[in-house]
Amino acid sequence: MRQESVNQPNEQNVSNSDLLRALRLEQSSKTAASLAATHDETPVFDHLAESATRHIATLTELLERAGIDVPEHEPSDPVWQSTNAALEDAFRTEEEKADVYDRLVTASERTENHHLFFKLWQATARRHLPAIAHQLEQASPIDSTTPRPS
């Protein structure tokens, strides 16, 4: 009889490239949100940076347990013309993360990591995306980084 339960992310259907993609997206999200938070008082950026820090730790531990090399993060310095642009960029990144986590949830059925991937997907799809969308809806056409007429 074949054993259906897998404990390591590199076995059966869970893709190492999806795990590494999720890690890179979380790292980029943390860098961007941290930078945006230093220039803007929009609380969603602080929350995204804190959440990304936790997700990075979780994914790093999972990759290390599986014996997969964790690449060093090479942060970029994103530049936005406005708070809205930063929010829109964050929204696109969260959408991409939700897609990756959705694939990991599907691929990890009947494994010990299924619940972990589901929690990561849930945080991204059900908390982060709605929070950013709400912030975008609340934003005025002239935001804090746009020069105001005197």
N, C-alpha and C. Protein backbone atom coordinates (compact mmCIF):
# COMPACT_ATOMS: atom_id res chain seq x y z
N MET A 1 0.84 -1.19 0.00
CA MET A 1 0.00 0.00 0.00
C MET A 1 0.88 1.24 0.00
N ARG A 2 0.56 2.18 -0.86
CA ARG A 2 1.33 3.41 -1.00
C ARG A 2 1.00 4.40 0.11
N GLN A 3 2.04 4.98 0.67
CA GLN A 3 1.86 6.01 1.71
C GLN A 3 1.50 7.33 1.05
N GLU A 4 0.41 7.98 1.46
CA GLU A 4 -0.08 9.21 0.85
C GLU A 4 0.45 10.45 1.55
N SER A 5 0.88 10.31 2.79
CA SER A 5 1.29 11.48 3.56
C SER A 5 2.74 11.83 3.25
N VAL A 6 2.96 13.09 2.92
CA VAL A 6 4.34 13.56 2.71
C VAL A 6 4.64 14.64 3.73
N ASN A 7 5.87 14.62 4.24
CA ASN A 7 6.25 15.59 5.26
C ASN A 7 7.18 16.66 4.74
N GLN A 8 7.83 16.40 3.64
CA GLN A 8 8.79 17.35 3.11
C GLN A 8 8.21 18.08 1.91
N PRO A 9 8.46 19.38 1.80
CA PRO A 9 7.87 20.14 0.72
C PRO A 9 8.38 19.75 -0.66
N ASN A 10 9.54 19.08 -0.75
CA ASN A 10 10.06 18.74 -2.06
C ASN A 10 9.58 17.37 -2.54
N GLU A 11 8.70 16.72 -1.82
CA GLU A 11 8.16 15.44 -2.23
C GLU A 11 6.85 15.64 -2.98
N GLN A 12 6.57 14.74 -3.87
CA GLN A 12 5.34 14.68 -4.66
C GLN A 12 5.01 15.99 -5.35
N ASN A 13 3.88 16.62 -5.05
CA ASN A 13 3.36 17.71 -5.85
C ASN A 13 3.79 19.11 -5.44
N VAL A 14 4.33 19.28 -4.26
CA VAL A 14 4.71 20.62 -3.82
C VAL A 14 5.98 21.03 -4.56
N SER A 15 5.90 22.16 -5.24
CA SER A 15 6.99 22.62 -6.07
C SER A 15 7.99 23.45 -5.27
N ASN A 16 9.27 23.07 -5.37
CA ASN A 16 10.32 23.88 -4.74
C ASN A 16 10.32 25.28 -5.31
N SER A 17 10.05 25.40 -6.60
CA SER A 17 10.05 26.73 -7.21
C SER A 17 8.92 27.59 -6.64
N ASP A 18 7.76 26.98 -6.32
CA ASP A 18 6.68 27.75 -5.68
C ASP A 18 7.07 28.17 -4.27
N LEU A 19 7.74 27.30 -3.55
CA LEU A 19 8.18 27.66 -2.19
C LEU A 19 9.19 28.80 -2.25
N LEU A 20 10.14 28.70 -3.16
CA LEU A 20 11.15 29.76 -3.29
C LEU A 20 10.52 31.04 -3.81
N ARG A 21 9.55 30.93 -4.71
CA ARG A 21 8.84 32.12 -5.21
C ARG A 21 8.10 32.80 -4.07
N ALA A 22 7.43 32.02 -3.23
CA ALA A 22 6.72 32.59 -2.07
C ALA A 22 7.69 33.33 -1.16
N LEU A 23 8.86 32.74 -0.92
CA LEU A 23 9.86 33.38 -0.07
C LEU A 23 10.32 34.70 -0.69
N ARG A 24 10.63 34.69 -2.00
CA ARG A 24 11.09 35.92 -2.67
C ARG A 24 10.00 37.00 -2.63
N LEU A 25 8.76 36.60 -2.84
CA LEU A 25 7.66 37.58 -2.79
C LEU A 25 7.50 38.16 -1.39
N GLU A 26 7.62 37.32 -0.36
CA GLU A 26 7.52 37.80 1.02
C GLU A 26 8.67 38.76 1.33
N GLN A 27 9.88 38.41 0.87
CA GLN A 27 11.03 39.27 1.11
C GLN A 27 10.85 40.63 0.42
N SER A 28 10.38 40.60 -0.82
CA SER A 28 10.14 41.85 -1.54
C SER A 28 9.04 42.66 -0.88
N SER A 29 8.01 41.96 -0.43
CA SER A 29 6.89 42.62 0.24
C SER A 29 7.36 43.31 1.51
N LYS A 30 8.21 42.64 2.28
CA LYS A 30 8.73 43.22 3.52
C LYS A 30 9.56 44.46 3.23
N THR A 31 10.45 44.36 2.24
CA THR A 31 11.30 45.50 1.89
C THR A 31 10.45 46.70 1.46
N ALA A 32 9.51 46.45 0.55
CA ALA A 32 8.67 47.54 0.03
C ALA A 32 7.79 48.14 1.11
N ALA A 33 7.16 47.28 1.92
CA ALA A 33 6.27 47.78 2.97
C ALA A 33 7.05 48.55 4.03
N SER A 34 8.22 48.07 4.38
CA SER A 34 9.05 48.77 5.36
C SER A 34 9.47 50.14 4.84
N LEU A 35 9.86 50.19 3.58
CA LEU A 35 10.25 51.47 2.98
C LEU A 35 9.07 52.42 2.91
N ALA A 36 7.92 51.92 2.46
CA ALA A 36 6.72 52.76 2.36
C ALA A 36 6.31 53.27 3.74
N ALA A 37 6.44 52.42 4.76
CA ALA A 37 6.05 52.81 6.12
C ALA A 37 6.92 53.95 6.65
N THR A 38 8.16 54.03 6.21
CA THR A 38 9.03 55.12 6.68
C THR A 38 8.66 56.46 6.06
N HIS A 39 7.95 56.42 4.92
CA HIS A 39 7.60 57.66 4.22
C HIS A 39 6.12 58.02 4.33
N ASP A 40 5.34 57.14 4.91
CA ASP A 40 3.90 57.35 4.93
C ASP A 40 3.33 56.78 6.22
N GLU A 41 2.31 57.39 6.72
CA GLU A 41 1.70 56.94 7.98
C GLU A 41 0.54 55.96 7.76
N THR A 42 0.39 55.44 6.56
CA THR A 42 -0.67 54.48 6.28
C THR A 42 -0.36 53.19 7.05
N PRO A 43 -1.22 52.81 8.03
CA PRO A 43 -0.90 51.67 8.89
C PRO A 43 -0.78 50.33 8.17
N VAL A 44 -1.40 50.21 7.02
CA VAL A 44 -1.36 48.92 6.33
C VAL A 44 0.08 48.53 5.99
N PHE A 45 0.96 49.49 5.73
CA PHE A 45 2.35 49.17 5.40
C PHE A 45 3.07 48.53 6.58
N ASP A 46 2.86 49.05 7.78
CA ASP A 46 3.46 48.45 8.98
C ASP A 46 2.97 47.01 9.16
N HIS A 47 1.67 46.82 8.99
CA HIS A 47 1.09 45.48 9.16
C HIS A 47 1.64 44.50 8.12
N LEU A 48 1.77 44.96 6.87
CA LEU A 48 2.32 44.09 5.82
C LEU A 48 3.77 43.71 6.12
N ALA A 49 4.56 44.67 6.60
CA ALA A 49 5.97 44.38 6.91
C ALA A 49 6.08 43.38 8.06
N GLU A 50 5.26 43.56 9.10
CA GLU A 50 5.28 42.63 10.24
C GLU A 50 4.85 41.23 9.80
N SER A 51 3.80 41.15 9.01
CA SER A 51 3.31 39.87 8.54
C SER A 51 4.35 39.19 7.65
N ALA A 52 4.96 39.94 6.75
CA ALA A 52 5.98 39.37 5.86
C ALA A 52 7.15 38.82 6.67
N THR A 53 7.52 39.49 7.74
CA THR A 53 8.60 39.00 8.60
C THR A 53 8.26 37.62 9.17
N ARG A 54 7.03 37.46 9.65
CA ARG A 54 6.60 36.16 10.18
C ARG A 54 6.56 35.10 9.07
N HIS A 55 6.05 35.48 7.89
CA HIS A 55 5.95 34.52 6.79
C HIS A 55 7.33 34.09 6.31
N ILE A 56 8.27 35.04 6.26
CA ILE A 56 9.64 34.71 5.87
C ILE A 56 10.23 33.68 6.83
N ALA A 57 10.05 33.89 8.12
CA ALA A 57 10.58 32.95 9.12
C ALA A 57 9.97 31.57 8.93
N THR A 58 8.68 31.50 8.69
CA THR A 58 7.99 30.22 8.51
C THR A 58 8.50 29.51 7.26
N LEU A 59 8.57 30.23 6.15
CA LEU A 59 9.03 29.62 4.90
C LEU A 59 10.50 29.21 4.98
N THR A 60 11.32 30.04 5.61
CA THR A 60 12.74 29.71 5.77
C THR A 60 12.91 28.43 6.57
N GLU A 61 12.17 28.31 7.67
CA GLU A 61 12.24 27.09 8.49
C GLU A 61 11.80 25.87 7.69
N LEU A 62 10.75 26.01 6.94
CA LEU A 62 10.24 24.90 6.13
C LEU A 62 11.27 24.48 5.07
N LEU A 63 11.85 25.44 4.40
CA LEU A 63 12.87 25.14 3.38
C LEU A 63 14.10 24.49 4.00
N GLU A 64 14.54 25.01 5.13
CA GLU A 64 15.72 24.44 5.79
C GLU A 64 15.46 23.02 6.26
N ARG A 65 14.27 22.77 6.83
CA ARG A 65 13.93 21.40 7.25
C ARG A 65 13.94 20.43 6.08
N ALA A 66 13.59 20.92 4.90
CA ALA A 66 13.55 20.09 3.70
C ALA A 66 14.91 19.98 3.03
N GLY A 67 15.91 20.68 3.57
CA GLY A 67 17.24 20.61 2.99
C GLY A 67 17.39 21.43 1.72
N ILE A 68 16.53 22.43 1.55
CA ILE A 68 16.58 23.29 0.37
C ILE A 68 17.36 24.55 0.74
N ASP A 69 18.34 24.90 -0.08
CA ASP A 69 19.12 26.10 0.17
C ASP A 69 18.23 27.34 0.12
N VAL A 70 18.36 28.17 1.13
CA VAL A 70 17.60 29.42 1.19
C VAL A 70 18.48 30.51 0.60
N PRO A 71 18.06 31.06 -0.55
CA PRO A 71 18.89 32.10 -1.16
C PRO A 71 18.89 33.37 -0.35
N GLU A 72 20.01 34.07 -0.42
CA GLU A 72 20.12 35.36 0.28
C GLU A 72 19.26 36.38 -0.45
N HIS A 73 18.59 37.20 0.33
CA HIS A 73 17.72 38.21 -0.27
C HIS A 73 18.54 39.42 -0.69
N GLU A 74 18.31 39.84 -1.93
CA GLU A 74 18.97 41.04 -2.45
C GLU A 74 17.89 42.09 -2.63
N PRO A 75 17.69 42.92 -1.60
CA PRO A 75 16.59 43.89 -1.66
C PRO A 75 16.80 44.96 -2.72
N SER A 76 15.69 45.39 -3.27
CA SER A 76 15.72 46.53 -4.19
C SER A 76 15.08 47.70 -3.46
N ASP A 77 15.27 48.86 -3.97
CA ASP A 77 14.67 50.05 -3.38
C ASP A 77 13.58 50.55 -4.31
N PRO A 78 12.35 50.08 -4.11
CA PRO A 78 11.28 50.54 -4.98
C PRO A 78 11.02 52.03 -4.77
N VAL A 79 10.62 52.69 -5.85
CA VAL A 79 10.31 54.11 -5.79
C VAL A 79 8.90 54.29 -6.34
N TRP A 80 8.07 54.96 -5.55
CA TRP A 80 6.70 55.23 -5.98
C TRP A 80 6.50 56.73 -6.05
N GLN A 81 5.62 57.13 -6.94
CA GLN A 81 5.30 58.54 -7.09
C GLN A 81 4.27 59.00 -6.07
N SER A 82 3.57 58.04 -5.46
CA SER A 82 2.51 58.39 -4.52
C SER A 82 2.23 57.22 -3.60
N THR A 83 1.49 57.49 -2.55
CA THR A 83 1.05 56.42 -1.65
C THR A 83 0.15 55.45 -2.40
N ASN A 84 -0.71 55.97 -3.26
CA ASN A 84 -1.58 55.09 -4.04
C ASN A 84 -0.76 54.12 -4.90
N ALA A 85 0.31 54.61 -5.50
CA ALA A 85 1.16 53.74 -6.32
C ALA A 85 1.78 52.64 -5.47
N ALA A 86 2.21 52.97 -4.26
CA ALA A 86 2.77 51.97 -3.34
C ALA A 86 1.70 50.95 -2.95
N LEU A 87 0.48 51.43 -2.69
CA LEU A 87 -0.62 50.53 -2.35
C LEU A 87 -0.96 49.61 -3.53
N GLU A 88 -1.00 50.16 -4.72
CA GLU A 88 -1.30 49.34 -5.90
C GLU A 88 -0.22 48.28 -6.12
N ASP A 89 1.04 48.65 -5.91
CA ASP A 89 2.14 47.69 -6.02
C ASP A 89 2.00 46.60 -4.96
N ALA A 90 1.66 46.99 -3.74
CA ALA A 90 1.46 46.02 -2.66
C ALA A 90 0.30 45.08 -3.00
N PHE A 91 -0.76 45.62 -3.58
CA PHE A 91 -1.91 44.80 -3.94
C PHE A 91 -1.52 43.76 -4.99
N ARG A 92 -0.77 44.16 -6.02
CA ARG A 92 -0.33 43.21 -7.04
C ARG A 92 0.55 42.12 -6.44
N THR A 93 1.44 42.49 -5.54
CA THR A 93 2.32 41.50 -4.90
C THR A 93 1.50 40.52 -4.06
N GLU A 94 0.53 41.04 -3.32
CA GLU A 94 -0.32 40.16 -2.50
C GLU A 94 -1.15 39.23 -3.38
N GLU A 95 -1.62 39.71 -4.52
CA GLU A 95 -2.35 38.84 -5.44
C GLU A 95 -1.47 37.70 -5.93
N GLU A 96 -0.23 38.03 -6.26
CA GLU A 96 0.70 37.00 -6.73
C GLU A 96 1.01 36.00 -5.61
N LYS A 97 1.20 36.51 -4.39
CA LYS A 97 1.43 35.61 -3.26
C LYS A 97 0.23 34.70 -3.03
N ALA A 98 -0.97 35.24 -3.13
CA ALA A 98 -2.18 34.43 -2.94
C ALA A 98 -2.24 33.30 -3.97
N ASP A 99 -1.86 33.60 -5.22
CA ASP A 99 -1.84 32.57 -6.26
C ASP A 99 -0.83 31.47 -5.93
N VAL A 100 0.36 31.87 -5.50
CA VAL A 100 1.39 30.88 -5.15
C VAL A 100 0.93 30.03 -3.96
N TYR A 101 0.40 30.68 -2.92
CA TYR A 101 -0.07 29.92 -1.76
C TYR A 101 -1.24 29.02 -2.12
N ASP A 102 -2.10 29.45 -3.03
CA ASP A 102 -3.20 28.61 -3.48
C ASP A 102 -2.66 27.34 -4.14
N ARG A 103 -1.64 27.47 -4.98
CA ARG A 103 -1.02 26.28 -5.60
C ARG A 103 -0.41 25.37 -4.54
N LEU A 104 0.24 25.97 -3.54
CA LEU A 104 0.85 25.16 -2.48
C LEU A 104 -0.22 24.45 -1.64
N VAL A 105 -1.33 25.12 -1.38
CA VAL A 105 -2.43 24.49 -0.63
C VAL A 105 -2.93 23.27 -1.40
N THR A 106 -3.18 23.46 -2.69
CA THR A 106 -3.70 22.37 -3.52
C THR A 106 -2.70 21.22 -3.60
N ALA A 107 -1.43 21.55 -3.79
CA ALA A 107 -0.40 20.52 -3.95
C ALA A 107 -0.09 19.79 -2.66
N SER A 108 -0.42 20.36 -1.52
CA SER A 108 -0.01 19.77 -0.24
C SER A 108 -1.14 19.02 0.46
N GLU A 109 -2.23 18.74 -0.24
CA GLU A 109 -3.33 18.01 0.40
C GLU A 109 -2.79 16.73 1.04
N ARG A 110 -3.32 16.43 2.19
CA ARG A 110 -2.96 15.23 2.96
C ARG A 110 -1.49 15.24 3.40
N THR A 111 -0.93 16.41 3.64
CA THR A 111 0.41 16.49 4.21
C THR A 111 0.36 17.37 5.45
N GLU A 112 1.38 17.29 6.25
CA GLU A 112 1.41 18.11 7.47
C GLU A 112 1.56 19.59 7.17
N ASN A 113 2.00 19.93 5.97
CA ASN A 113 2.19 21.33 5.61
C ASN A 113 0.94 21.98 5.02
N HIS A 114 -0.09 21.20 4.77
CA HIS A 114 -1.31 21.73 4.16
C HIS A 114 -1.90 22.87 4.99
N HIS A 115 -2.01 22.67 6.29
CA HIS A 115 -2.59 23.70 7.16
C HIS A 115 -1.73 24.96 7.18
N LEU A 116 -0.43 24.79 7.17
CA LEU A 116 0.49 25.93 7.16
C LEU A 116 0.29 26.75 5.88
N PHE A 117 0.25 26.09 4.72
CA PHE A 117 0.06 26.81 3.47
C PHE A 117 -1.32 27.47 3.43
N PHE A 118 -2.31 26.79 3.99
CA PHE A 118 -3.65 27.38 4.03
C PHE A 118 -3.64 28.65 4.88
N LYS A 119 -2.95 28.63 6.02
CA LYS A 119 -2.89 29.83 6.87
C LYS A 119 -2.17 30.98 6.15
N LEU A 120 -1.11 30.68 5.40
CA LEU A 120 -0.41 31.71 4.65
C LEU A 120 -1.32 32.28 3.55
N TRP A 121 -2.05 31.40 2.86
CA TRP A 121 -2.99 31.86 1.84
C TRP A 121 -4.08 32.73 2.48
N GLN A 122 -4.60 32.25 3.60
CA GLN A 122 -5.69 32.97 4.28
C GLN A 122 -5.25 34.37 4.71
N ALA A 123 -4.05 34.49 5.26
CA ALA A 123 -3.55 35.80 5.68
C ALA A 123 -3.44 36.73 4.47
N THR A 124 -2.97 36.20 3.37
CA THR A 124 -2.77 37.01 2.17
C THR A 124 -4.10 37.36 1.51
N ALA A 125 -4.91 36.34 1.21
CA ALA A 125 -6.13 36.54 0.43
C ALA A 125 -7.28 37.14 1.24
N ARG A 126 -7.36 36.80 2.51
CA ARG A 126 -8.52 37.24 3.29
C ARG A 126 -8.25 38.42 4.20
N ARG A 127 -6.98 38.71 4.46
CA ARG A 127 -6.68 39.87 5.32
C ARG A 127 -5.92 40.96 4.58
N HIS A 128 -4.79 40.61 3.96
CA HIS A 128 -3.96 41.64 3.34
C HIS A 128 -4.65 42.29 2.14
N LEU A 129 -5.15 41.48 1.21
CA LEU A 129 -5.78 42.05 0.02
C LEU A 129 -6.97 42.94 0.38
N PRO A 130 -7.89 42.51 1.25
CA PRO A 130 -9.00 43.41 1.61
C PRO A 130 -8.52 44.68 2.32
N ALA A 131 -7.49 44.58 3.15
CA ALA A 131 -6.99 45.76 3.86
C ALA A 131 -6.41 46.78 2.88
N ILE A 132 -5.66 46.28 1.91
CA ILE A 132 -5.08 47.20 0.91
C ILE A 132 -6.19 47.79 0.05
N ALA A 133 -7.13 46.96 -0.37
CA ALA A 133 -8.25 47.44 -1.19
C ALA A 133 -9.03 48.53 -0.44
N HIS A 134 -9.25 48.31 0.85
CA HIS A 134 -9.96 49.30 1.66
C HIS A 134 -9.17 50.61 1.71
N GLN A 135 -7.87 50.49 1.90
CA GLN A 135 -7.02 51.69 1.96
C GLN A 135 -7.05 52.43 0.62
N LEU A 136 -7.04 51.70 -0.48
CA LEU A 136 -7.11 52.33 -1.80
C LEU A 136 -8.44 53.05 -1.98
N GLU A 137 -9.52 52.44 -1.50
CA GLU A 137 -10.84 53.07 -1.60
C GLU A 137 -10.92 54.35 -0.78
N GLN A 138 -10.22 54.37 0.36
CA GLN A 138 -10.25 55.53 1.25
C GLN A 138 -9.32 56.65 0.81
N ALA A 139 -8.35 56.31 -0.04
CA ALA A 139 -7.34 57.30 -0.44
C ALA A 139 -7.98 58.40 -1.28
N SER A 140 -7.51 59.59 -1.02
CA SER A 140 -7.99 60.72 -1.82
C SER A 140 -7.17 60.80 -3.10
N PRO A 141 -7.69 61.46 -4.11
CA PRO A 141 -6.92 61.59 -5.35
C PRO A 141 -5.58 62.29 -5.13
N ILE A 142 -5.53 63.19 -4.16
CA ILE A 142 -4.26 63.83 -3.81
C ILE A 142 -3.83 63.25 -2.49
N ASP A 143 -2.79 62.43 -2.53
CA ASP A 143 -2.34 61.79 -1.28
C ASP A 143 -1.14 62.50 -0.69
N SER A 144 -0.62 61.95 0.38
CA SER A 144 0.40 62.64 1.17
C SER A 144 1.71 62.89 0.44
N THR A 145 2.00 62.18 -0.65
CA THR A 145 3.28 62.39 -1.32
C THR A 145 3.13 63.26 -2.56
N THR A 146 1.93 63.66 -2.89
CA THR A 146 1.70 64.52 -4.05
C THR A 146 1.83 65.98 -3.62
N PRO A 147 2.64 66.77 -4.34
CA PRO A 147 2.76 68.19 -3.97
C PRO A 147 1.38 68.86 -4.05
N ARG A 148 1.05 69.62 -3.05
CA ARG A 148 -0.24 70.31 -3.00
C ARG A 148 -0.06 71.76 -3.45
N PRO A 149 -1.06 72.28 -4.16
CA PRO A 149 -0.95 73.68 -4.58
C PRO A 149 -0.95 74.60 -3.38
N SER A 150 -0.24 75.73 -3.47
CA SER A 150 -0.20 76.66 -2.34
C SER A 150 -1.36 77.63 -2.41
